[in-house]
Amino acid sequence: MAIIKSHRKVLTVKIKSVLEKALIVTGEQAVGFVRPIVPIKTGNLRSSITFATIGFKSDAESVDGFVAKSSDLVETPTEAGHLFIGTNVEYAAHQEFGTNRKGNNETRKGNRLVRRSFLRLGVLSHRKDLGSTFAKTIKGLLK
């Protein structure tokens, strides 16, 4: 009678590590798509665009020098396997969604700040590229 050895634990760790690395690579690419289209006045908003992910394990490995961890610059996902792209700059939401506040600014139209979406536009207009990068990264790491 042959004894079959289970490799479930080893495979689970490998798959989680691959998924984590794929999220990091995809997050870096998403930031690269968003930053060039950020409305720029001082450069603060553009330089604050980043991403965060919670790894499946506590000792997240580095991918191209970046270590996946929580960040003060963007809300941290509450579950492993999620990727958040964003910023902590207070006025980012006003740029993304517009506002009804009064003020003098070249991007204002009457009493409202005109919407100048950059996060949604940057991610949604490249969702196929991001999905492809995620899939290719997983495929390459599982070889």
C-alpha atoms as a PDB file:
ATOM      1  CA  MET A   1       0.000   0.000   0.000  1.00  0.00           C
ATOM      2  CA  ALA A   2       1.404   3.367  -1.058  1.00  0.00           C
ATOM      3  CA  ILE A   3       1.425   6.272   1.343  1.00  0.00           C
ATOM      4  CA  ILE A   4       0.383   9.579  -0.170  1.00  0.00           C
ATOM      5  CA  LYS A   5       2.057  12.613   1.365  1.00  0.00           C
ATOM      6  CA  SER A   6       0.014  15.806   1.530  1.00  0.00           C
ATOM      7  CA  HIS A   7       1.664  18.991   0.303  1.00  0.00           C
ATOM      8  CA  ARG A   8      -1.357  21.132   1.106  1.00  0.00           C
ATOM      9  CA  LYS A   9       0.411  23.339   3.676  1.00  0.00           C
ATOM     10  CA  VAL A  10       3.408  23.969   1.445  1.00  0.00           C
ATOM     11  CA  LEU A  11       1.194  24.748  -1.537  1.00  0.00           C
ATOM     12  CA  THR A  12      -1.023  27.054   0.523  1.00  0.00           C
ATOM     13  CA  VAL A  13       1.999  29.067   1.664  1.00  0.00           C
ATOM     14  CA  LYS A  14       3.360  29.216  -1.894  1.00  0.00           C
ATOM     15  CA  ILE A  15       0.032  30.369  -3.363  1.00  0.00           C
ATOM     16  CA  LYS A  16      -0.418  33.053  -0.695  1.00  0.00           C
ATOM     17  CA  SER A  17       3.125  34.316  -1.285  1.00  0.00           C
ATOM     18  CA  VAL A  18       2.533  34.466  -5.047  1.00  0.00           C
ATOM     19  CA  LEU A  19      -0.761  36.341  -4.606  1.00  0.00           C
ATOM     20  CA  GLU A  20       0.887  38.831  -2.258  1.00  0.00           C
ATOM     21  CA  LYS A  21       3.715  39.520  -4.695  1.00  0.00           C
ATOM     22  CA  ALA A  22       1.233  39.892  -7.571  1.00  0.00           C
ATOM     23  CA  LEU A  23      -0.712  42.476  -5.537  1.00  0.00           C
ATOM     24  CA  ILE A  24       2.477  44.450  -4.922  1.00  0.00           C
ATOM     25  CA  VAL A  25       3.473  44.443  -8.595  1.00  0.00           C
ATOM     26  CA  THR A  26      -0.074  45.414  -9.629  1.00  0.00           C
ATOM     27  CA  GLY A  27      -0.189  48.161  -6.987  1.00  0.00           C
ATOM     28  CA  GLU A  28       3.063  49.647  -8.256  1.00  0.00           C
ATOM     29  CA  GLN A  29       1.701  49.634 -11.798  1.00  0.00           C
ATOM     30  CA  ALA A  30      -1.591  51.234 -10.724  1.00  0.00           C
ATOM     31  CA  VAL A  31       0.272  54.047  -8.965  1.00  0.00           C
ATOM     32  CA  GLY A  32       2.243  54.523 -12.185  1.00  0.00           C
ATOM     33  CA  PHE A  33      -1.002  54.936 -14.135  1.00  0.00           C
ATOM     34  CA  VAL A  34      -2.565  57.351 -11.630  1.00  0.00           C
ATOM     35  CA  ARG A  35       0.325  59.731 -10.834  1.00  0.00           C
ATOM     36  CA  PRO A  36       0.743  61.234 -14.325  1.00  0.00           C
ATOM     37  CA  ILE A  37      -2.909  62.364 -14.466  1.00  0.00           C
ATOM     38  CA  VAL A  38      -3.129  63.896 -10.977  1.00  0.00           C
ATOM     39  CA  PRO A  39      -4.007  67.612 -11.130  1.00  0.00           C
ATOM     40  CA  ILE A  40      -0.816  69.392 -10.151  1.00  0.00           C
ATOM     41  CA  LYS A  41      -0.343  72.681  -8.386  1.00  0.00           C
ATOM     42  CA  THR A  42       2.296  71.963  -5.736  1.00  0.00           C
ATOM     43  CA  GLY A  43       3.046  68.308  -6.468  1.00  0.00           C
ATOM     44  CA  ASN A  44       1.943  67.240  -2.981  1.00  0.00           C
ATOM     45  CA  LEU A  45      -1.076  65.276  -4.179  1.00  0.00           C
ATOM     46  CA  ARG A  46       0.836  63.557  -6.972  1.00  0.00           C
ATOM     47  CA  SER A  47       3.697  62.468  -4.728  1.00  0.00           C
ATOM     48  CA  SER A  48       1.296  61.141  -2.076  1.00  0.00           C
ATOM     49  CA  ILE A  49      -0.379  58.569  -4.353  1.00  0.00           C
ATOM     50  CA  THR A  50       0.519  55.111  -3.077  1.00  0.00           C
ATOM     51  CA  PHE A  51      -0.951  51.710  -2.333  1.00  0.00           C
ATOM     52  CA  ALA A  52      -1.315  49.351   0.592  1.00  0.00           C
ATOM     53  CA  THR A  53      -2.030  45.676   0.928  1.00  0.00           C
ATOM     54  CA  ILE A  54      -2.214  43.272   3.817  1.00  0.00           C
ATOM     55  CA  GLY A  55      -0.093  40.255   3.196  1.00  0.00           C
ATOM     56  CA  PHE A  56      -1.159  36.732   3.883  1.00  0.00           C
ATOM     57  CA  LYS A  57       1.808  36.312   6.187  1.00  0.00           C
ATOM     58  CA  SER A  58       3.457  38.618   8.696  1.00  0.00           C
ATOM     59  CA  ASP A  59       6.899  38.669   7.072  1.00  0.00           C
ATOM     60  CA  ALA A  60       6.013  40.257   3.749  1.00  0.00           C
ATOM     61  CA  GLU A  61       8.801  39.900   1.239  1.00  0.00           C
ATOM     62  CA  SER A  62      10.204  42.687  -0.851  1.00  0.00           C
ATOM     63  CA  VAL A  63       9.443  42.976  -4.552  1.00  0.00           C
ATOM     64  CA  ASP A  64      11.832  45.339  -6.307  1.00  0.00           C
ATOM     65  CA  GLY A  65      12.707  46.955  -2.987  1.00  0.00           C
ATOM     66  CA  PHE A  66       9.112  47.592  -1.890  1.00  0.00           C
ATOM     67  CA  VAL A  67       7.788  45.864   1.187  1.00  0.00           C
ATOM     68  CA  ALA A  68       4.036  45.382   1.372  1.00  0.00           C
ATOM     69  CA  LYS A  69       2.781  46.924   4.578  1.00  0.00           C
ATOM     70  CA  SER A  70       0.257  49.359   5.882  1.00  0.00           C
ATOM     71  CA  SER A  71       0.895  53.013   5.159  1.00  0.00           C
ATOM     72  CA  ASP A  72      -0.022  56.328   6.711  1.00  0.00           C
ATOM     73  CA  LEU A  73      -0.694  57.573   3.191  1.00  0.00           C
ATOM     74  CA  VAL A  74      -3.562  55.251   2.326  1.00  0.00           C
ATOM     75  CA  GLU A  75      -6.135  53.296   4.292  1.00  0.00           C
ATOM     76  CA  THR A  76      -5.032  49.746   5.006  1.00  0.00           C
ATOM     77  CA  PRO A  77      -7.225  46.927   3.727  1.00  0.00           C
ATOM     78  CA  THR A  78      -8.936  44.933   6.440  1.00  0.00           C
ATOM     79  CA  GLU A  79      -8.569  41.574   4.726  1.00  0.00           C
ATOM     80  CA  ALA A  80      -5.631  39.808   3.145  1.00  0.00           C
ATOM     81  CA  GLY A  81      -5.684  39.770  -0.626  1.00  0.00           C
ATOM     82  CA  HIS A  82      -7.019  43.306  -1.086  1.00  0.00           C
ATOM     83  CA  LEU A  83      -5.208  46.215  -2.667  1.00  0.00           C
ATOM     84  CA  PHE A  84      -6.000  49.861  -1.873  1.00  0.00           C
ATOM     85  CA  ILE A  85      -4.717  52.730  -4.010  1.00  0.00           C
ATOM     86  CA  GLY A  86      -5.067  56.270  -2.737  1.00  0.00           C
ATOM     87  CA  THR A  87      -3.714  59.177  -0.739  1.00  0.00           C
ATOM     88  CA  ASN A  88      -4.125  60.833   2.645  1.00  0.00           C
ATOM     89  CA  VAL A  89      -4.114  64.389   1.255  1.00  0.00           C
ATOM     90  CA  GLU A  90      -7.197  66.159   2.602  1.00  0.00           C
ATOM     91  CA  TYR A  91      -8.201  67.858  -0.638  1.00  0.00           C
ATOM     92  CA  ALA A  92      -7.869  64.726  -2.802  1.00  0.00           C
ATOM     93  CA  ALA A  93     -11.585  63.927  -2.517  1.00  0.00           C
ATOM     94  CA  HIS A  94     -12.436  67.477  -3.650  1.00  0.00           C
ATOM     95  CA  GLN A  95     -10.293  66.984  -6.754  1.00  0.00           C
ATOM     96  CA  GLU A  96     -11.682  63.511  -7.426  1.00  0.00           C
ATOM     97  CA  PHE A  97     -15.382  64.230  -6.888  1.00  0.00           C
ATOM     98  CA  GLY A  98     -15.715  68.033  -7.020  1.00  0.00           C
ATOM     99  CA  THR A  99     -17.388  70.176  -4.383  1.00  0.00           C
ATOM    100  CA  ASN A 100     -19.933  72.917  -3.875  1.00  0.00           C
ATOM    101  CA  ARG A 101     -17.678  75.149  -1.767  1.00  0.00           C
ATOM    102  CA  LYS A 102     -17.017  78.741  -2.807  1.00  0.00           C
ATOM    103  CA  GLY A 103     -13.574  80.028  -3.632  1.00  0.00           C
ATOM    104  CA  ASN A 104     -11.326  81.491  -6.273  1.00  0.00           C
ATOM    105  CA  ASN A 105      -9.532  78.900  -8.315  1.00  0.00           C
ATOM    106  CA  GLU A 106      -9.058  78.366 -12.025  1.00  0.00           C
ATOM    107  CA  THR A 107     -10.724  74.946 -11.735  1.00  0.00           C
ATOM    108  CA  ARG A 108     -13.893  76.375 -10.202  1.00  0.00           C
ATOM    109  CA  LYS A 109     -17.129  76.800 -12.059  1.00  0.00           C
ATOM    110  CA  GLY A 110     -19.453  79.131 -10.194  1.00  0.00           C
ATOM    111  CA  ASN A 111     -19.671  77.942  -6.595  1.00  0.00           C
ATOM    112  CA  ARG A 112     -18.324  74.475  -7.172  1.00  0.00           C
ATOM    113  CA  LEU A 113     -14.919  72.901  -7.675  1.00  0.00           C
ATOM    114  CA  VAL A 114     -15.080  71.005 -10.943  1.00  0.00           C
ATOM    115  CA  ARG A 115     -14.457  67.280 -10.648  1.00  0.00           C
ATOM    116  CA  ARG A 116     -11.023  66.264 -11.904  1.00  0.00           C
ATOM    117  CA  SER A 117     -11.047  62.515 -11.387  1.00  0.00           C
ATOM    118  CA  PHE A 118      -7.616  60.913 -11.321  1.00  0.00           C
ATOM    119  CA  LEU A 119      -7.848  57.811  -9.098  1.00  0.00           C
ATOM    120  CA  ARG A 120     -10.886  56.266 -10.761  1.00  0.00           C
ATOM    121  CA  LEU A 121      -9.775  57.349 -14.223  1.00  0.00           C
ATOM    122  CA  GLY A 122      -6.234  56.051 -13.760  1.00  0.00           C
ATOM    123  CA  VAL A 123      -7.353  52.664 -12.463  1.00  0.00           C
ATOM    124  CA  LEU A 124     -10.511  52.071 -14.493  1.00  0.00           C
ATOM    125  CA  SER A 125      -9.012  53.128 -17.820  1.00  0.00           C
ATOM    126  CA  HIS A 126      -6.188  50.612 -17.282  1.00  0.00           C
ATOM    127  CA  ARG A 127      -8.148  47.787 -15.627  1.00  0.00           C
ATOM    128  CA  LYS A 128      -7.314  45.361 -18.453  1.00  0.00           C
ATOM    129  CA  ASP A 129      -3.604  46.168 -18.134  1.00  0.00           C
ATOM    130  CA  LEU A 130      -3.761  45.769 -14.359  1.00  0.00           C
ATOM    131  CA  GLY A 131      -5.620  42.462 -14.643  1.00  0.00           C
ATOM    132  CA  SER A 132      -3.122  41.239 -17.207  1.00  0.00           C
ATOM    133  CA  THR A 133      -0.190  42.230 -15.000  1.00  0.00           C
ATOM    134  CA  PHE A 134      -1.744  40.457 -12.024  1.00  0.00           C
ATOM    135  CA  ALA A 135      -2.332  37.282 -14.062  1.00  0.00           C
ATOM    136  CA  LYS A 136       1.123  37.319 -15.709  1.00  0.00           C
ATOM    137  CA  THR A 137       2.817  37.867 -12.360  1.00  0.00           C
ATOM    138  CA  ILE A 138       0.993  34.919 -10.843  1.00  0.00           C
ATOM    139  CA  LYS A 139       1.767  32.732 -13.864  1.00  0.00           C
ATOM    140  CA  GLY A 140       5.451  33.724 -13.800  1.00  0.00           C
ATOM    141  CA  LEU A 141       5.844  33.107 -10.085  1.00  0.00           C
ATOM    142  CA  LEU A 142       4.138  29.710 -10.172  1.00  0.00           C
ATOM    143  CA  LYS A 143       6.601  28.284 -12.729  1.00  0.00           C
END
